[in-house]
Amino acid sequence: MKHVIEVFDRQTEELLLSVEIPGSRHEELKKLMNWQQPEDEFDGYDLSPEQVKILEDWTEKSLMGEERIVQLICTE
């Protein structure tokens, strides 16, 4: 299973950035997202600013911006 952060331009909805979350963070990601059921991991999610900040630390990428939509998806 691979989780990816996708960053979109709020105006054009153009994909600006796609960042894979390291597999070593899987258990931490489950806690961050408060997943209760195994199938929760397969849904797509809009991320809160607090979640984005943590993911920026994990990935060492700048994700947040005033004109951005940041989402988490599962690609596998």
C-alpha atoms as a PDB file:
ATOM      1  CA  MET A   1       0.000   0.000   0.000  1.00  0.00           C
ATOM      2  CA  LYS A   2       1.328   3.416  -0.947  1.00  0.00           C
ATOM      3  CA  HIS A   3      -0.005   6.729   0.369  1.00  0.00           C
ATOM      4  CA  VAL A   4       0.596   9.915  -1.567  1.00  0.00           C
ATOM      5  CA  ILE A   5       0.032  13.562  -0.731  1.00  0.00           C
ATOM      6  CA  GLU A   6      -1.356  15.511  -3.675  1.00  0.00           C
ATOM      7  CA  VAL A   7      -1.259  19.304  -3.748  1.00  0.00           C
ATOM      8  CA  PHE A   8      -3.627  21.163  -6.077  1.00  0.00           C
ATOM      9  CA  ASP A   9      -4.010  24.801  -7.078  1.00  0.00           C
ATOM     10  CA  ARG A  10      -7.263  26.020  -5.511  1.00  0.00           C
ATOM     11  CA  GLN A  11      -8.236  28.114  -8.575  1.00  0.00           C
ATOM     12  CA  THR A  12      -7.341  25.818 -11.479  1.00  0.00           C
ATOM     13  CA  GLU A  13      -7.395  22.460  -9.629  1.00  0.00           C
ATOM     14  CA  GLU A  14      -4.116  21.679 -11.415  1.00  0.00           C
ATOM     15  CA  LEU A  15      -1.928  19.093  -9.680  1.00  0.00           C
ATOM     16  CA  LEU A  16       1.137  20.978  -8.431  1.00  0.00           C
ATOM     17  CA  LEU A  17       2.942  18.327  -6.427  1.00  0.00           C
ATOM     18  CA  SER A  18       2.725  14.646  -5.586  1.00  0.00           C
ATOM     19  CA  VAL A  19       4.753  13.311  -2.645  1.00  0.00           C
ATOM     20  CA  GLU A  20       4.919   9.711  -1.441  1.00  0.00           C
ATOM     21  CA  ILE A  21       4.815   9.142   2.308  1.00  0.00           C
ATOM     22  CA  PRO A  22       7.607   6.784   3.377  1.00  0.00           C
ATOM     23  CA  GLY A  23       6.353   3.288   4.170  1.00  0.00           C
ATOM     24  CA  SER A  24       8.249   3.440   7.455  1.00  0.00           C
ATOM     25  CA  ARG A  25       5.652   6.021   8.622  1.00  0.00           C
ATOM     26  CA  HIS A  26       2.660   3.719   8.100  1.00  0.00           C
ATOM     27  CA  GLU A  27       1.769   3.216  11.770  1.00  0.00           C
ATOM     28  CA  GLU A  28       2.255   6.916  12.522  1.00  0.00           C
ATOM     29  CA  LEU A  29       0.066   7.783   9.536  1.00  0.00           C
ATOM     30  CA  LYS A  30      -2.720   5.548  10.850  1.00  0.00           C
ATOM     31  CA  LYS A  31      -2.634   7.472  14.144  1.00  0.00           C
ATOM     32  CA  LEU A  32      -2.411  10.873  12.443  1.00  0.00           C
ATOM     33  CA  MET A  33      -5.441  10.114  10.284  1.00  0.00           C
ATOM     34  CA  ASN A  34      -7.336   8.399  13.137  1.00  0.00           C
ATOM     35  CA  TRP A  35      -8.143   5.400  10.980  1.00  0.00           C
ATOM     36  CA  GLN A  36     -10.355   2.964  12.872  1.00  0.00           C
ATOM     37  CA  GLN A  37     -11.050   0.305  10.222  1.00  0.00           C
ATOM     38  CA  PRO A  38      -8.628  -1.281   7.725  1.00  0.00           C
ATOM     39  CA  GLU A  39     -10.688   0.024   4.784  1.00  0.00           C
ATOM     40  CA  ASP A  40     -10.239   3.624   6.040  1.00  0.00           C
ATOM     41  CA  GLU A  41      -6.731   3.574   4.577  1.00  0.00           C
ATOM     42  CA  PHE A  42      -8.093   3.317   1.028  1.00  0.00           C
ATOM     43  CA  ASP A  43     -10.223   6.483   1.086  1.00  0.00           C
ATOM     44  CA  GLY A  44      -9.101   9.940  -0.045  1.00  0.00           C
ATOM     45  CA  TYR A  45      -8.897  12.731   2.519  1.00  0.00           C
ATOM     46  CA  ASP A  46      -8.654  16.502   2.630  1.00  0.00           C
ATOM     47  CA  LEU A  47      -5.927  17.308   5.144  1.00  0.00           C
ATOM     48  CA  SER A  48      -6.097  19.806   7.977  1.00  0.00           C
ATOM     49  CA  PRO A  49      -3.306  22.376   8.430  1.00  0.00           C
ATOM     50  CA  GLU A  50      -2.139  20.424  11.505  1.00  0.00           C
ATOM     51  CA  GLN A  51      -1.910  17.177   9.528  1.00  0.00           C
ATOM     52  CA  VAL A  52      -0.108  18.939   6.679  1.00  0.00           C
ATOM     53  CA  LYS A  53       2.495  20.360   9.070  1.00  0.00           C
ATOM     54  CA  ILE A  54       3.322  16.881  10.375  1.00  0.00           C
ATOM     55  CA  LEU A  55       3.500  15.488   6.836  1.00  0.00           C
ATOM     56  CA  GLU A  56       5.821  18.326   5.820  1.00  0.00           C
ATOM     57  CA  ASP A  57       8.149  17.245   8.625  1.00  0.00           C
ATOM     58  CA  TRP A  58       8.018  13.611   7.531  1.00  0.00           C
ATOM     59  CA  THR A  59       8.573  14.298   3.825  1.00  0.00           C
ATOM     60  CA  GLU A  60      10.789  17.399   4.125  1.00  0.00           C
ATOM     61  CA  LYS A  61       8.586  19.083   1.485  1.00  0.00           C
ATOM     62  CA  SER A  62       6.656  22.341   1.620  1.00  0.00           C
ATOM     63  CA  LEU A  63       3.017  21.403   0.992  1.00  0.00           C
ATOM     64  CA  MET A  64       0.818  24.106   2.469  1.00  0.00           C
ATOM     65  CA  GLY A  65      -0.116  27.363   0.815  1.00  0.00           C
ATOM     66  CA  GLU A  66      -3.000  29.795   0.856  1.00  0.00           C
ATOM     67  CA  GLU A  67      -4.087  28.869  -2.660  1.00  0.00           C
ATOM     68  CA  ARG A  68      -3.578  25.115  -2.290  1.00  0.00           C
ATOM     69  CA  ILE A  69      -5.719  22.081  -1.591  1.00  0.00           C
ATOM     70  CA  VAL A  70      -3.797  19.257   0.083  1.00  0.00           C
ATOM     71  CA  GLN A  71      -5.163  15.707  -0.025  1.00  0.00           C
ATOM     72  CA  LEU A  72      -4.059  12.217   0.934  1.00  0.00           C
ATOM     73  CA  ILE A  73      -4.768   9.289  -1.370  1.00  0.00           C
ATOM     74  CA  CYS A  74      -3.935   5.596  -1.503  1.00  0.00           C
ATOM     75  CA  THR A  75      -2.527   4.473  -4.846  1.00  0.00           C
ATOM     76  CA  GLU A  76      -2.322   0.738  -4.203  1.00  0.00           C
END
